[in-house]
PDB file of all heavy atoms in Angstrom:
ATOM      1  N   VAL A   1     -44.747  29.486 -38.615  1.00  0.00           N
ATOM      2  CA  VAL A   1     -45.986  28.805 -38.228  1.00  0.00           C
ATOM      3  C   VAL A   1     -45.826  27.293 -38.381  1.00  0.00           C
ATOM      4  O   VAL A   1     -45.255  26.817 -39.375  1.00  0.00           O
ATOM      5  CB  VAL A   1     -47.170  29.291 -39.087  1.00  0.00           C
ATOM      6  CG1 VAL A   1     -48.426  28.477 -38.787  1.00  0.00           C
ATOM      7  CG2 VAL A   1     -47.432  30.774 -38.849  1.00  0.00           C
ATOM      8  N   SER A   2     -46.340  26.556 -37.423  1.00  0.00           N
ATOM      9  CA  SER A   2     -46.362  25.093 -37.478  1.00  0.00           C
ATOM     10  C   SER A   2     -47.783  24.603 -37.221  1.00  0.00           C
ATOM     11  O   SER A   2     -48.462  25.079 -36.309  1.00  0.00           O
ATOM     12  CB  SER A   2     -45.415  24.500 -36.429  1.00  0.00           C
ATOM     13  OG  SER A   2     -45.422  23.086 -36.493  1.00  0.00           O
ATOM     14  N   VAL A   3     -48.228  23.643 -38.028  1.00  0.00           N
ATOM     15  CA  VAL A   3     -49.556  23.036 -37.868  1.00  0.00           C
ATOM     16  C   VAL A   3     -49.378  21.583 -37.459  1.00  0.00           C
ATOM     17  O   VAL A   3     -48.582  20.848 -38.071  1.00  0.00           O
ATOM     18  CB  VAL A   3     -50.373  23.121 -39.173  1.00  0.00           C
ATOM     19  CG1 VAL A   3     -51.760  22.512 -38.974  1.00  0.00           C
ATOM     20  CG2 VAL A   3     -50.491  24.565 -39.651  1.00  0.00           C
ATOM     21  N   GLY A   4     -50.101  21.163 -36.435  1.00  0.00           N
ATOM     22  CA  GLY A   4     -49.980  19.798 -35.951  1.00  0.00           C
ATOM     23  C   GLY A   4     -51.328  19.121 -35.807  1.00  0.00           C
ATOM     24  O   GLY A   4     -52.386  19.719 -36.041  1.00  0.00           O
ATOM     25  N   THR A   5     -51.271  17.864 -35.406  1.00  0.00           N
ATOM     26  CA  THR A   5     -52.482  17.079 -35.197  1.00  0.00           C
ATOM     27  C   THR A   5     -53.036  17.403 -33.812  1.00  0.00           C
ATOM     28  O   THR A   5     -52.842  16.670 -32.846  1.00  0.00           O
ATOM     29  CB  THR A   5     -52.173  15.573 -35.342  1.00  0.00           C
ATOM     30  OG1 THR A   5     -51.549  15.352 -36.589  1.00  0.00           O
ATOM     31  CG2 THR A   5     -53.448  14.754 -35.265  1.00  0.00           C
ATOM     32  N   GLY A   6     -53.694  18.550 -33.723  1.00  0.00           N
ATOM     33  CA  GLY A   6     -54.216  19.036 -32.460  1.00  0.00           C
ATOM     34  C   GLY A   6     -53.192  19.882 -31.725  1.00  0.00           C
ATOM     35  O   GLY A   6     -51.987  19.820 -31.995  1.00  0.00           O
ATOM     36  N   GLY A   7     -53.694  20.678 -30.778  1.00  0.00           N
ATOM     37  CA  GLY A   7     -52.803  21.501 -29.982  1.00  0.00           C
ATOM     38  C   GLY A   7     -51.809  20.686 -29.187  1.00  0.00           C
ATOM     39  O   GLY A   7     -50.681  21.123 -28.944  1.00  0.00           O
ATOM     40  N   LYS A   8     -52.204  19.488 -28.779  1.00  0.00           N
ATOM     41  CA  LYS A   8     -51.319  18.643 -27.976  1.00  0.00           C
ATOM     42  C   LYS A   8     -50.020  18.329 -28.728  1.00  0.00           C
ATOM     43  O   LYS A   8     -48.940  18.315 -28.120  1.00  0.00           O
ATOM     44  CB  LYS A   8     -52.029  17.341 -27.591  1.00  0.00           C
ATOM     45  CG  LYS A   8     -51.244  16.472 -26.626  1.00  0.00           C
ATOM     46  CD  LYS A   8     -52.017  15.231 -26.221  1.00  0.00           C
ATOM     47  CE  LYS A   8     -53.130  15.539 -25.262  1.00  0.00           C
ATOM     48  NZ  LYS A   8     -53.765  14.308 -24.715  1.00  0.00           N
ATOM     49  N   GLN A   9     -50.106  18.121 -30.045  1.00  0.00           N
ATOM     50  CA  GLN A   9     -48.878  17.836 -30.785  1.00  0.00           C
ATOM     51  C   GLN A   9     -47.965  19.057 -30.858  1.00  0.00           C
ATOM     52  O   GLN A   9     -46.743  18.922 -30.833  1.00  0.00           O
ATOM     53  CB  GLN A   9     -49.173  17.331 -32.199  1.00  0.00           C
ATOM     54  CG  GLN A   9     -47.886  16.919 -32.915  1.00  0.00           C
ATOM     55  CD  GLN A   9     -48.087  16.262 -34.252  1.00  0.00           C
ATOM     56  OE1 GLN A   9     -49.053  16.523 -34.937  1.00  0.00           O
ATOM     57  NE2 GLN A   9     -47.149  15.401 -34.615  1.00  0.00           N
ATOM     58  N   ILE A  10     -48.547  20.257 -30.953  1.00  0.00           N
ATOM     59  CA  ILE A  10     -47.724  21.465 -30.955  1.00  0.00           C
ATOM     60  C   ILE A  10     -46.946  21.564 -29.652  1.00  0.00           C
ATOM     61  O   ILE A  10     -45.726  21.816 -29.642  1.00  0.00           O
ATOM     62  CB  ILE A  10     -48.602  22.714 -31.157  1.00  0.00           C
ATOM     63  CG1 ILE A  10     -49.323  22.653 -32.511  1.00  0.00           C
ATOM     64  CG2 ILE A  10     -47.781  23.985 -31.029  1.00  0.00           C
ATOM     65  CD1 ILE A  10     -48.402  22.647 -33.714  1.00  0.00           C
ATOM     66  N   LEU A  11     -47.618  21.360 -28.535  1.00  0.00           N
ATOM     67  CA  LEU A  11     -46.963  21.378 -27.229  1.00  0.00           C
ATOM     68  C   LEU A  11     -45.911  20.278 -27.138  1.00  0.00           C
ATOM     69  O   LEU A  11     -44.782  20.509 -26.673  1.00  0.00           O
ATOM     70  CB  LEU A  11     -48.007  21.193 -26.127  1.00  0.00           C
ATOM     71  CG  LEU A  11     -49.056  22.301 -25.986  1.00  0.00           C
ATOM     72  CD1 LEU A  11     -50.230  21.814 -25.146  1.00  0.00           C
ATOM     73  CD2 LEU A  11     -48.448  23.541 -25.372  1.00  0.00           C
ATOM     74  N   PHE A  12     -46.273  19.099 -27.569  1.00  0.00           N
ATOM     75  CA  PHE A  12     -45.375  17.941 -27.527  1.00  0.00           C
ATOM     76  C   PHE A  12     -44.117  18.215 -28.351  1.00  0.00           C
ATOM     77  O   PHE A  12     -42.988  18.022 -27.882  1.00  0.00           O
ATOM     78  CB  PHE A  12     -46.128  16.718 -28.074  1.00  0.00           C
ATOM     79  CG  PHE A  12     -45.351  15.428 -28.026  1.00  0.00           C
ATOM     80  CD1 PHE A  12     -45.469  14.570 -26.935  1.00  0.00           C
ATOM     81  CD2 PHE A  12     -44.517  15.050 -29.064  1.00  0.00           C
ATOM     82  CE1 PHE A  12     -44.767  13.374 -26.897  1.00  0.00           C
ATOM     83  CE2 PHE A  12     -43.814  13.857 -29.034  1.00  0.00           C
ATOM     84  CZ  PHE A  12     -43.936  13.010 -27.943  1.00  0.00           C
ATOM     85  N   ASN A  13     -44.308  18.695 -29.581  1.00  0.00           N
ATOM     86  CA  ASN A  13     -43.167  18.965 -30.453  1.00  0.00           C
ATOM     87  C   ASN A  13     -42.240  20.014 -29.850  1.00  0.00           C
ATOM     88  O   ASN A  13     -41.015  19.877 -29.874  1.00  0.00           O
ATOM     89  CB  ASN A  13     -43.641  19.443 -31.825  1.00  0.00           C
ATOM     90  CG  ASN A  13     -44.231  18.332 -32.677  1.00  0.00           C
ATOM     91  OD1 ASN A  13     -44.145  17.156 -32.328  1.00  0.00           O
ATOM     92  ND2 ASN A  13     -44.837  18.701 -33.778  1.00  0.00           N
ATOM     93  N   ALA A  14     -42.830  21.097 -29.328  1.00  0.00           N
ATOM     94  CA  ALA A  14     -42.020  22.186 -28.779  1.00  0.00           C
ATOM     95  C   ALA A  14     -41.178  21.719 -27.601  1.00  0.00           C
ATOM     96  O   ALA A  14     -39.981  22.034 -27.507  1.00  0.00           O
ATOM     97  CB  ALA A  14     -42.922  23.342 -28.367  1.00  0.00           C
ATOM     98  N   LEU A  15     -41.788  20.962 -26.700  1.00  0.00           N
ATOM     99  CA  LEU A  15     -41.071  20.532 -25.507  1.00  0.00           C
ATOM    100  C   LEU A  15     -40.075  19.421 -25.812  1.00  0.00           C
ATOM    101  O   LEU A  15     -38.943  19.435 -25.318  1.00  0.00           O
ATOM    102  CB  LEU A  15     -42.070  20.096 -24.427  1.00  0.00           C
ATOM    103  CG  LEU A  15     -42.928  21.238 -23.865  1.00  0.00           C
ATOM    104  CD1 LEU A  15     -44.039  20.696 -22.970  1.00  0.00           C
ATOM    105  CD2 LEU A  15     -42.077  22.240 -23.102  1.00  0.00           C
ATOM    106  N   LEU A  16     -40.466  18.468 -26.642  1.00  0.00           N
ATOM    107  CA  LEU A  16     -39.536  17.389 -26.993  1.00  0.00           C
ATOM    108  C   LEU A  16     -38.348  17.916 -27.787  1.00  0.00           C
ATOM    109  O   LEU A  16     -37.238  17.370 -27.702  1.00  0.00           O
ATOM    110  CB  LEU A  16     -40.254  16.302 -27.798  1.00  0.00           C
ATOM    111  CG  LEU A  16     -40.799  15.092 -27.031  1.00  0.00           C
ATOM    112  CD1 LEU A  16     -39.681  14.166 -26.570  1.00  0.00           C
ATOM    113  CD2 LEU A  16     -41.684  15.505 -25.872  1.00  0.00           C
ATOM    114  N   ALA A  17     -38.559  18.969 -28.550  1.00  0.00           N
ATOM    115  CA  ALA A  17     -37.491  19.512 -29.385  1.00  0.00           C
ATOM    116  C   ALA A  17     -36.525  20.411 -28.622  1.00  0.00           C
ATOM    117  O   ALA A  17     -35.444  20.725 -29.139  1.00  0.00           O
ATOM    118  CB  ALA A  17     -38.101  20.301 -30.550  1.00  0.00           C
ATOM    119  N   THR A  18     -36.884  20.808 -27.396  1.00  0.00           N
ATOM    120  CA  THR A  18     -36.058  21.795 -26.690  1.00  0.00           C
ATOM    121  C   THR A  18     -35.622  21.392 -25.292  1.00  0.00           C
ATOM    122  O   THR A  18     -34.624  21.921 -24.784  1.00  0.00           O
ATOM    123  CB  THR A  18     -36.825  23.135 -26.565  1.00  0.00           C
ATOM    124  OG1 THR A  18     -38.052  22.923 -25.852  1.00  0.00           O
ATOM    125  CG2 THR A  18     -37.120  23.728 -27.939  1.00  0.00           C
ATOM    126  N   VAL A  19     -36.339  20.497 -24.637  1.00  0.00           N
ATOM    127  CA  VAL A  19     -36.059  20.182 -23.236  1.00  0.00           C
ATOM    128  C   VAL A  19     -35.006  19.085 -23.120  1.00  0.00           C
ATOM    129  O   VAL A  19     -35.120  18.021 -23.738  1.00  0.00           O
ATOM    130  CB  VAL A  19     -37.359  19.760 -22.510  1.00  0.00           C
ATOM    131  CG1 VAL A  19     -37.047  19.244 -21.106  1.00  0.00           C
ATOM    132  CG2 VAL A  19     -38.327  20.944 -22.429  1.00  0.00           C
ATOM    133  N   ASN A  20     -33.981  19.366 -22.325  1.00  0.00           N
ATOM    134  CA  ASN A  20     -32.928  18.397 -22.026  1.00  0.00           C
ATOM    135  C   ASN A  20     -33.089  17.887 -20.598  1.00  0.00           C
ATOM    136  O   ASN A  20     -33.739  18.543 -19.766  1.00  0.00           O
ATOM    137  CB  ASN A  20     -31.548  19.048 -22.173  1.00  0.00           C
ATOM    138  CG  ASN A  20     -31.227  19.390 -23.615  1.00  0.00           C
ATOM    139  OD1 ASN A  20     -31.335  18.547 -24.498  1.00  0.00           O
ATOM    140  ND2 ASN A  20     -30.832  20.637 -23.852  1.00  0.00           N
ATOM    141  N   PRO A  21     -32.493  16.726 -20.280  1.00  0.00           N
ATOM    142  CA  PRO A  21     -32.573  16.217 -18.909  1.00  0.00           C
ATOM    143  C   PRO A  21     -32.092  17.265 -17.906  1.00  0.00           C
ATOM    144  O   PRO A  21     -31.038  17.869 -18.079  1.00  0.00           O
ATOM    145  CB  PRO A  21     -31.650  14.990 -18.931  1.00  0.00           C
ATOM    146  CG  PRO A  21     -31.717  14.518 -20.350  1.00  0.00           C
ATOM    147  CD  PRO A  21     -31.812  15.766 -21.179  1.00  0.00           C
ATOM    148  N   GLY A  22     -32.910  17.495 -16.894  1.00  0.00           N
ATOM    149  CA  GLY A  22     -32.559  18.483 -15.874  1.00  0.00           C
ATOM    150  C   GLY A  22     -33.155  19.848 -16.100  1.00  0.00           C
ATOM    151  O   GLY A  22     -33.202  20.667 -15.171  1.00  0.00           O
ATOM    152  N   ASP A  23     -33.608  20.142 -17.317  1.00  0.00           N
ATOM    153  CA  ASP A  23     -34.260  21.426 -17.569  1.00  0.00           C
ATOM    154  C   ASP A  23     -35.562  21.508 -16.786  1.00  0.00           C
ATOM    155  O   ASP A  23     -36.310  20.533 -16.685  1.00  0.00           O
ATOM    156  CB  ASP A  23     -34.574  21.598 -19.063  1.00  0.00           C
ATOM    157  CG  ASP A  23     -33.357  21.913 -19.897  1.00  0.00           C
ATOM    158  OD1 ASP A  23     -32.300  22.239 -19.316  1.00  0.00           O
ATOM    159  OD2 ASP A  23     -33.451  21.826 -21.141  1.00  0.00           O
ATOM    160  N   GLU A  24     -35.855  22.698 -16.281  1.00  0.00           N
ATOM    161  CA  GLU A  24     -37.072  22.907 -15.504  1.00  0.00           C
ATOM    162  C   GLU A  24     -38.115  23.646 -16.338  1.00  0.00           C
ATOM    163  O   GLU A  24     -37.783  24.555 -17.109  1.00  0.00           O
ATOM    164  CB  GLU A  24     -36.763  23.701 -14.235  1.00  0.00           C
ATOM    165  CG  GLU A  24     -35.860  22.957 -13.274  1.00  0.00           C
ATOM    166  CD  GLU A  24     -35.467  23.764 -12.049  1.00  0.00           C
ATOM    167  OE1 GLU A  24     -35.794  24.972 -12.000  1.00  0.00           O
ATOM    168  OE2 GLU A  24     -34.837  23.188 -11.149  1.00  0.00           O
ATOM    169  N   VAL A  25     -39.360  23.241 -16.167  1.00  0.00           N
ATOM    170  CA  VAL A  25     -40.482  23.880 -16.849  1.00  0.00           C
ATOM    171  C   VAL A  25     -41.504  24.278 -15.796  1.00  0.00           C
ATOM    172  O   VAL A  25     -42.044  23.422 -15.093  1.00  0.00           O
ATOM    173  CB  VAL A  25     -41.122  22.946 -17.892  1.00  0.00           C
ATOM    174  CG1 VAL A  25     -42.324  23.614 -18.546  1.00  0.00           C
ATOM    175  CG2 VAL A  25     -40.100  22.534 -18.954  1.00  0.00           C
TER     176      VAL A  25
END
């Protein structure tokens, strides 16, 4: 479990921590 400053930070952390240049979402 991870708690962040709003849902936006959870999304931000997940994507910034995993997405590399060229990855598609």
